Amino acid sequence: MKQILPLLTFILFFSCQNSAQSNTAQQEVINSNPVEIPIENGKAKAYFASGCFWCVEAIYESVKGVEESISGYSGGHTKNPTYAASNTGSTGHAEAVEIIYNPKIVSFETLVDVYFASQDVTQVNGQGNDKGSQYRSIIFYQNEAQKQIILEKKSALAKQLGVKIAAEVYPFQKFWVAEDYHQDYEKNHPNNPYIKNVSIPRLNRFKAKFPKELLKDSH
């Protein structure tokens, strides 16, 4: 985990993480109609959850056409989630990123490719040692076209690898921006042990296998 949680949070984490995706309120989120975010000033937005948002933020910002990646929470059934609350697993939220991108440079399809290429696609409720429903993999769709893109790519990857793909597919509802200290964490804290030992290696593994022409020279 990124930090040692207080005893109460630790207890709540293990008592709630398995119920985060199964209670009635959470099912209403999963079964809801998607909310579509309109393109503004030529910029579109997409939403992904793939483990620690410190890692995912840096990965997407290495891709051409991505102008900004914002860390936050999505996919849950409570309002105004916080880092501490989401870590209990009881809010239903996952650590997520809001990707602001230029659709004339990078497509939603490519962003989904980035998603699958940058994680362990078989790990349920986590990535690496970050385990719990708040670290689960979710791809959010805003309309039927995006949903079909996600489902087709997920199905093709499962067939190609011969494994079950862990990523859930949710209708997008709302993105809650995380606390200020989480934003641009990898850039602002390059010597943090987690960044050096987890985030940077994960970023480098992604960059090593993704087409170089789709990546920025630096991020």
C-alpha atoms as a PDB file:
ATOM      1  CA  MET A   1       0.000   0.000   0.000  1.00  0.00           C
ATOM      2  CA  LYS A   2       1.137   3.575  -0.506  1.00  0.00           C
ATOM      3  CA  GLN A   3       0.919   4.306   3.185  1.00  0.00           C
ATOM      4  CA  ILE A   4       0.317   2.580   6.492  1.00  0.00           C
ATOM      5  CA  LEU A   5      -3.325   3.174   7.358  1.00  0.00           C
ATOM      6  CA  PRO A   6      -4.549   3.799  10.890  1.00  0.00           C
ATOM      7  CA  LEU A   7      -5.854   0.702  12.652  1.00  0.00           C
ATOM      8  CA  LEU A   8      -9.512   1.635  12.221  1.00  0.00           C
ATOM      9  CA  THR A   9      -9.087   2.265   8.510  1.00  0.00           C
ATOM     10  CA  PHE A  10      -7.177  -0.989   8.198  1.00  0.00           C
ATOM     11  CA  ILE A  11     -10.013  -2.914   9.799  1.00  0.00           C
ATOM     12  CA  LEU A  12     -12.652  -1.183   7.697  1.00  0.00           C
ATOM     13  CA  PHE A  13     -10.641  -1.875   4.568  1.00  0.00           C
ATOM     14  CA  PHE A  14     -10.792  -5.613   5.027  1.00  0.00           C
ATOM     15  CA  SER A  15     -14.403  -5.632   6.152  1.00  0.00           C
ATOM     16  CA  CYS A  16     -15.648  -3.477   3.274  1.00  0.00           C
ATOM     17  CA  GLN A  17     -13.486  -4.104   0.234  1.00  0.00           C
ATOM     18  CA  ASN A  18     -15.354  -7.205  -0.862  1.00  0.00           C
ATOM     19  CA  SER A  19     -18.755  -5.522  -0.594  1.00  0.00           C
ATOM     20  CA  ALA A  20     -17.846  -2.379  -2.534  1.00  0.00           C
ATOM     21  CA  GLN A  21     -19.072  -3.783  -5.840  1.00  0.00           C
ATOM     22  CA  SER A  22     -22.026  -5.808  -4.558  1.00  0.00           C
ATOM     23  CA  ASN A  23     -24.334  -3.582  -2.525  1.00  0.00           C
ATOM     24  CA  THR A  24     -27.568  -2.129  -3.883  1.00  0.00           C
ATOM     25  CA  ALA A  25     -26.273   1.436  -4.195  1.00  0.00           C
ATOM     26  CA  GLN A  26     -23.292   0.235  -6.188  1.00  0.00           C
ATOM     27  CA  GLN A  27     -25.476  -1.817  -8.508  1.00  0.00           C
ATOM     28  CA  GLU A  28     -27.488   1.296  -9.276  1.00  0.00           C
ATOM     29  CA  VAL A  29     -24.269   2.983 -10.414  1.00  0.00           C
ATOM     30  CA  ILE A  30     -23.345   0.021 -12.599  1.00  0.00           C
ATOM     31  CA  ASN A  31     -26.830  -0.111 -14.158  1.00  0.00           C
ATOM     32  CA  SER A  32     -27.233   3.636 -14.711  1.00  0.00           C
ATOM     33  CA  ASN A  33     -27.194   5.509 -18.006  1.00  0.00           C
ATOM     34  CA  PRO A  34     -23.825   7.045 -18.876  1.00  0.00           C
ATOM     35  CA  VAL A  35     -23.149  10.758 -18.603  1.00  0.00           C
ATOM     36  CA  GLU A  36     -21.446  12.188 -21.684  1.00  0.00           C
ATOM     37  CA  ILE A  37     -18.953  15.033 -21.258  1.00  0.00           C
ATOM     38  CA  PRO A  38     -19.097  17.376 -24.274  1.00  0.00           C
ATOM     39  CA  ILE A  39     -15.975  18.372 -26.169  1.00  0.00           C
ATOM     40  CA  GLU A  40     -14.909  21.844 -25.050  1.00  0.00           C
ATOM     41  CA  ASN A  41     -12.395  24.017 -26.887  1.00  0.00           C
ATOM     42  CA  GLY A  42     -11.462  21.006 -28.983  1.00  0.00           C
ATOM     43  CA  LYS A  43     -10.626  18.899 -25.940  1.00  0.00           C
ATOM     44  CA  ALA A  44     -12.345  15.663 -24.899  1.00  0.00           C
ATOM     45  CA  LYS A  45     -12.256  13.786 -21.601  1.00  0.00           C
ATOM     46  CA  ALA A  46     -11.973  10.093 -20.796  1.00  0.00           C
ATOM     47  CA  TYR A  47     -11.896   8.218 -17.512  1.00  0.00           C
ATOM     48  CA  PHE A  48      -9.929   5.164 -16.390  1.00  0.00           C
ATOM     49  CA  ALA A  49      -9.128   3.338 -13.144  1.00  0.00           C
ATOM     50  CA  SER A  50      -6.057   1.118 -13.134  1.00  0.00           C
ATOM     51  CA  GLY A  51      -4.525   0.872  -9.692  1.00  0.00           C
ATOM     52  CA  CYS A  52      -2.679   3.722  -8.030  1.00  0.00           C
ATOM     53  CA  PHE A  53      -3.504   7.011  -9.731  1.00  0.00           C
ATOM     54  CA  TRP A  54       0.057   8.232  -9.147  1.00  0.00           C
ATOM     55  CA  CYS A  55       1.138   5.597 -11.671  1.00  0.00           C
ATOM     56  CA  VAL A  56      -1.667   6.008 -14.180  1.00  0.00           C
ATOM     57  CA  GLU A  57      -1.417   9.794 -14.315  1.00  0.00           C
ATOM     58  CA  ALA A  58       2.199   9.624 -15.500  1.00  0.00           C
ATOM     59  CA  ILE A  59       1.491   6.871 -18.031  1.00  0.00           C
ATOM     60  CA  TYR A  60      -1.211   8.807 -19.855  1.00  0.00           C
ATOM     61  CA  GLU A  61       0.776  12.025 -19.824  1.00  0.00           C
ATOM     62  CA  SER A  62       3.496  10.222 -21.793  1.00  0.00           C
ATOM     63  CA  VAL A  63       1.091   9.779 -24.745  1.00  0.00           C
ATOM     64  CA  LYS A  64       0.913  12.276 -27.604  1.00  0.00           C
ATOM     65  CA  GLY A  65      -2.368  14.171 -27.666  1.00  0.00           C
ATOM     66  CA  VAL A  66      -2.943  13.883 -23.923  1.00  0.00           C
ATOM     67  CA  GLU A  67      -2.805  17.373 -22.504  1.00  0.00           C
ATOM     68  CA  GLU A  68      -3.436  16.620 -18.864  1.00  0.00           C
ATOM     69  CA  SER A  69      -4.149  13.760 -16.493  1.00  0.00           C
ATOM     70  CA  ILE A  70      -5.956  14.520 -13.241  1.00  0.00           C
ATOM     71  CA  SER A  71      -6.102  12.135 -10.291  1.00  0.00           C
ATOM     72  CA  GLY A  72      -9.399  11.488  -8.550  1.00  0.00           C
ATOM     73  CA  TYR A  73     -12.127   9.009  -7.695  1.00  0.00           C
ATOM     74  CA  SER A  74     -14.920   7.487  -9.761  1.00  0.00           C
ATOM     75  CA  GLY A  75     -17.236   4.512  -9.965  1.00  0.00           C
ATOM     76  CA  GLY A  76     -18.655   4.694  -6.459  1.00  0.00           C
ATOM     77  CA  HIS A  77     -21.989   5.451  -4.842  1.00  0.00           C
ATOM     78  CA  THR A  78     -21.052   8.150  -2.309  1.00  0.00           C
ATOM     79  CA  LYS A  79     -20.625  11.891  -2.785  1.00  0.00           C
ATOM     80  CA  ASN A  80     -17.413  13.822  -2.183  1.00  0.00           C
ATOM     81  CA  PRO A  81     -15.144  10.806  -1.621  1.00  0.00           C
ATOM     82  CA  THR A  82     -11.775  11.403   0.017  1.00  0.00           C
ATOM     83  CA  TYR A  83      -8.540   9.454  -0.090  1.00  0.00           C
ATOM     84  CA  ALA A  84      -9.081   8.142   3.425  1.00  0.00           C
ATOM     85  CA  ALA A  85     -12.696   7.139   2.754  1.00  0.00           C
ATOM     86  CA  SER A  86     -11.988   5.457  -0.572  1.00  0.00           C
ATOM     87  CA  ASN A  87      -9.186   3.458   1.032  1.00  0.00           C
ATOM     88  CA  THR A  88     -11.710   1.712   3.269  1.00  0.00           C
ATOM     89  CA  GLY A  89     -13.366   0.227   0.176  1.00  0.00           C
ATOM     90  CA  SER A  90     -16.783   1.228   1.497  1.00  0.00           C
ATOM     91  CA  THR A  91     -17.497   4.097  -0.929  1.00  0.00           C
ATOM     92  CA  GLY A  92     -17.364   1.941  -4.061  1.00  0.00           C
ATOM     93  CA  HIS A  93     -14.963   4.408  -5.691  1.00  0.00           C
ATOM     94  CA  ALA A  94     -11.738   3.473  -7.407  1.00  0.00           C
ATOM     95  CA  GLU A  95      -8.691   5.664  -7.796  1.00  0.00           C
ATOM     96  CA  ALA A  96      -9.159   7.022 -11.306  1.00  0.00           C
ATOM     97  CA  VAL A  97      -7.800   9.555 -13.753  1.00  0.00           C
ATOM     98  CA  GLU A  98      -9.498  12.141 -15.908  1.00  0.00           C
ATOM     99  CA  ILE A  99      -7.692  12.300 -19.244  1.00  0.00           C
ATOM    100  CA  ILE A 100      -7.989  15.581 -21.129  1.00  0.00           C
ATOM    101  CA  TYR A 101      -6.976  14.956 -24.727  1.00  0.00           C
ATOM    102  CA  ASN A 102      -7.099  16.257 -28.267  1.00  0.00           C
ATOM    103  CA  PRO A 103      -9.202  13.781 -30.276  1.00  0.00           C
ATOM    104  CA  LYS A 104      -7.584  15.050 -33.478  1.00  0.00           C
ATOM    105  CA  ILE A 105      -4.253  13.699 -32.231  1.00  0.00           C
ATOM    106  CA  VAL A 106      -5.177  10.673 -30.140  1.00  0.00           C
ATOM    107  CA  SER A 107      -8.373   8.631 -30.338  1.00  0.00           C
ATOM    108  CA  PHE A 108     -10.426   7.090 -27.569  1.00  0.00           C
ATOM    109  CA  GLU A 109      -9.491   3.712 -29.074  1.00  0.00           C
ATOM    110  CA  THR A 110      -5.801   4.457 -28.541  1.00  0.00           C
ATOM    111  CA  LEU A 111      -6.454   5.551 -24.961  1.00  0.00           C
ATOM    112  CA  VAL A 112      -8.078   2.173 -24.342  1.00  0.00           C
ATOM    113  CA  ASP A 113      -5.007   0.503 -25.857  1.00  0.00           C
ATOM    114  CA  VAL A 114      -2.842   2.509 -23.449  1.00  0.00           C
ATOM    115  CA  TYR A 115      -5.023   1.297 -20.610  1.00  0.00           C
ATOM    116  CA  PHE A 116      -4.597  -2.394 -21.372  1.00  0.00           C
ATOM    117  CA  ALA A 117      -0.901  -2.062 -22.247  1.00  0.00           C
ATOM    118  CA  SER A 118      -0.023  -0.426 -18.939  1.00  0.00           C
ATOM    119  CA  GLN A 119      -1.315  -2.926 -16.388  1.00  0.00           C
ATOM    120  CA  ASP A 120      -1.590  -6.538 -15.323  1.00  0.00           C
ATOM    121  CA  VAL A 121      -4.873  -7.203 -17.093  1.00  0.00           C
ATOM    122  CA  THR A 122      -5.590 -10.340 -15.049  1.00  0.00           C
ATOM    123  CA  GLN A 123      -5.268  -8.891 -11.524  1.00  0.00           C
ATOM    124  CA  VAL A 124      -8.592  -8.461  -9.753  1.00  0.00           C
ATOM    125  CA  ASN A 125      -9.018  -5.636  -7.228  1.00  0.00           C
ATOM    126  CA  GLY A 126      -5.559  -4.177  -7.533  1.00  0.00           C
ATOM    127  CA  GLN A 127      -2.292  -3.674  -9.344  1.00  0.00           C
ATOM    128  CA  GLY A 128       0.872  -5.147  -7.890  1.00  0.00           C
ATOM    129  CA  ASN A 129       0.997  -4.741  -4.126  1.00  0.00           C
ATOM    130  CA  ASP A 130      -1.774  -2.120  -4.168  1.00  0.00           C
ATOM    131  CA  LYS A 131      -4.710  -4.357  -3.382  1.00  0.00           C
ATOM    132  CA  GLY A 132      -8.345  -3.587  -2.638  1.00  0.00           C
ATOM    133  CA  SER A 133     -11.470  -2.505  -4.487  1.00  0.00           C
ATOM    134  CA  GLN A 134     -10.217   1.099  -4.543  1.00  0.00           C
ATOM    135  CA  TYR A 135      -7.414  -0.108  -6.838  1.00  0.00           C
ATOM    136  CA  ARG A 136      -9.599  -2.177  -9.147  1.00  0.00           C
ATOM    137  CA  SER A 137      -9.525  -1.755 -12.912  1.00  0.00           C
ATOM    138  CA  ILE A 138     -12.477   0.048 -14.506  1.00  0.00           C
ATOM    139  CA  ILE A 139     -12.937   1.551 -17.961  1.00  0.00           C
ATOM    140  CA  PHE A 140     -15.695   4.146 -18.096  1.00  0.00           C
ATOM    141  CA  TYR A 141     -17.795   4.723 -21.198  1.00  0.00           C
ATOM    142  CA  GLN A 142     -19.816   7.859 -21.958  1.00  0.00           C
ATOM    143  CA  ASN A 143     -21.884   6.547 -24.847  1.00  0.00           C
ATOM    144  CA  GLU A 144     -22.729   3.339 -26.684  1.00  0.00           C
ATOM    145  CA  ALA A 145     -19.929   3.784 -29.226  1.00  0.00           C
ATOM    146  CA  GLN A 146     -17.306   3.936 -26.483  1.00  0.00           C
ATOM    147  CA  LYS A 147     -18.864   0.938 -24.745  1.00  0.00           C
ATOM    148  CA  GLN A 148     -18.607  -1.153 -27.887  1.00  0.00           C
ATOM    149  CA  ILE A 149     -14.972  -0.122 -28.415  1.00  0.00           C
ATOM    150  CA  ILE A 150     -14.136  -1.198 -24.870  1.00  0.00           C
ATOM    151  CA  LEU A 151     -16.015  -4.501 -25.045  1.00  0.00           C
ATOM    152  CA  GLU A 152     -14.521  -5.429 -28.405  1.00  0.00           C
ATOM    153  CA  LYS A 153     -10.967  -4.671 -27.297  1.00  0.00           C
ATOM    154  CA  LYS A 154     -11.479  -6.494 -24.013  1.00  0.00           C
ATOM    155  CA  SER A 155     -12.870  -9.549 -25.795  1.00  0.00           C
ATOM    156  CA  ALA A 156     -10.077  -9.567 -28.382  1.00  0.00           C
ATOM    157  CA  LEU A 157      -7.413  -9.302 -25.679  1.00  0.00           C
ATOM    158  CA  ALA A 158      -8.953 -12.137 -23.678  1.00  0.00           C
ATOM    159  CA  LYS A 159      -8.933 -14.318 -26.788  1.00  0.00           C
ATOM    160  CA  GLN A 160      -5.380 -13.325 -27.699  1.00  0.00           C
ATOM    161  CA  LEU A 161      -3.966 -14.020 -24.229  1.00  0.00           C
ATOM    162  CA  GLY A 162      -6.265 -16.882 -23.289  1.00  0.00           C
ATOM    163  CA  VAL A 163      -7.078 -15.286 -19.942  1.00  0.00           C
ATOM    164  CA  LYS A 164      -9.965 -13.541 -18.217  1.00  0.00           C
ATOM    165  CA  ILE A 165      -9.559  -9.755 -18.309  1.00  0.00           C
ATOM    166  CA  ALA A 166     -10.214  -8.240 -14.890  1.00  0.00           C
ATOM    167  CA  ALA A 167     -11.250  -4.752 -16.027  1.00  0.00           C
ATOM    168  CA  GLU A 168     -14.838  -3.805 -15.256  1.00  0.00           C
ATOM    169  CA  VAL A 169     -16.829  -1.674 -17.694  1.00  0.00           C
ATOM    170  CA  TYR A 170     -18.893   1.099 -16.090  1.00  0.00           C
ATOM    171  CA  PRO A 171     -21.136   3.857 -17.393  1.00  0.00           C
ATOM    172  CA  PHE A 172     -19.450   7.112 -16.477  1.00  0.00           C
ATOM    173  CA  GLN A 173     -21.332   9.115 -13.853  1.00  0.00           C
ATOM    174  CA  LYS A 174     -19.040  11.583 -12.117  1.00  0.00           C
ATOM    175  CA  PHE A 175     -15.375  12.207 -11.477  1.00  0.00           C
ATOM    176  CA  TRP A 176     -14.330  13.613  -8.122  1.00  0.00           C
ATOM    177  CA  VAL A 177     -10.967  15.402  -8.199  1.00  0.00           C
ATOM    178  CA  ALA A 178      -8.547  14.093  -5.570  1.00  0.00           C
ATOM    179  CA  GLU A 179      -6.798  16.187  -2.958  1.00  0.00           C
ATOM    180  CA  ASP A 180      -4.235  18.696  -4.262  1.00  0.00           C
ATOM    181  CA  TYR A 181      -1.239  16.773  -2.964  1.00  0.00           C
ATOM    182  CA  HIS A 182      -2.076  13.829  -5.239  1.00  0.00           C
ATOM    183  CA  GLN A 183      -1.888  15.875  -8.436  1.00  0.00           C
ATOM    184  CA  ASP A 184       1.269  15.475 -10.573  1.00  0.00           C
ATOM    185  CA  TYR A 185       2.648  13.350  -7.760  1.00  0.00           C
ATOM    186  CA  GLU A 186       5.272  11.582  -9.853  1.00  0.00           C
ATOM    187  CA  LYS A 187       6.606  14.881 -11.202  1.00  0.00           C
ATOM    188  CA  ASN A 188       6.589  16.615  -7.830  1.00  0.00           C
ATOM    189  CA  HIS A 189       8.031  13.740  -5.791  1.00  0.00           C
ATOM    190  CA  PRO A 190      10.563  11.956  -8.013  1.00  0.00           C
ATOM    191  CA  ASN A 191      12.525  10.664  -5.009  1.00  0.00           C
ATOM    192  CA  ASN A 192       9.538   9.209  -3.182  1.00  0.00           C
ATOM    193  CA  PRO A 193      10.274   5.477  -2.646  1.00  0.00           C
ATOM    194  CA  TYR A 194       6.932   4.444  -4.136  1.00  0.00           C
ATOM    195  CA  ILE A 195       7.518   6.602  -7.207  1.00  0.00           C
ATOM    196  CA  LYS A 196      11.071   5.284  -7.689  1.00  0.00           C
ATOM    197  CA  ASN A 197      10.249   1.627  -7.072  1.00  0.00           C
ATOM    198  CA  VAL A 198       6.707   1.271  -8.440  1.00  0.00           C
ATOM    199  CA  SER A 199       5.503   4.199 -10.556  1.00  0.00           C
ATOM    200  CA  ILE A 200       8.600   4.768 -12.681  1.00  0.00           C
ATOM    201  CA  PRO A 201       9.204   1.064 -13.395  1.00  0.00           C
ATOM    202  CA  ARG A 202       5.543   0.660 -14.393  1.00  0.00           C
ATOM    203  CA  LEU A 203       5.798   3.691 -16.695  1.00  0.00           C
ATOM    204  CA  ASN A 204       9.001   2.362 -18.260  1.00  0.00           C
ATOM    205  CA  ARG A 205       7.502  -1.097 -18.836  1.00  0.00           C
ATOM    206  CA  PHE A 206       4.608   0.539 -20.666  1.00  0.00           C
ATOM    207  CA  LYS A 207       6.830   2.774 -22.783  1.00  0.00           C
ATOM    208  CA  ALA A 208       9.052  -0.152 -23.747  1.00  0.00           C
ATOM    209  CA  LYS A 209       6.212  -2.023 -25.434  1.00  0.00           C
ATOM    210  CA  PHE A 210       3.983   0.778 -26.756  1.00  0.00           C
ATOM    211  CA  PRO A 211       4.564   2.180 -30.279  1.00  0.00           C
ATOM    212  CA  LYS A 212       7.203   4.902 -29.965  1.00  0.00           C
ATOM    213  CA  GLU A 213       5.495   7.114 -32.539  1.00  0.00           C
ATOM    214  CA  LEU A 214       2.535   7.488 -30.147  1.00  0.00           C
ATOM    215  CA  LEU A 215       4.682   8.611 -27.219  1.00  0.00           C
ATOM    216  CA  LYS A 216       6.042  12.020 -26.310  1.00  0.00           C
ATOM    217  CA  ASP A 217       9.798  12.518 -26.066  1.00  0.00           C
ATOM    218  CA  SER A 218       9.213  13.329 -22.401  1.00  0.00           C
ATOM    219  CA  HIS A 219       6.226  13.830 -20.129  1.00  0.00           C
END
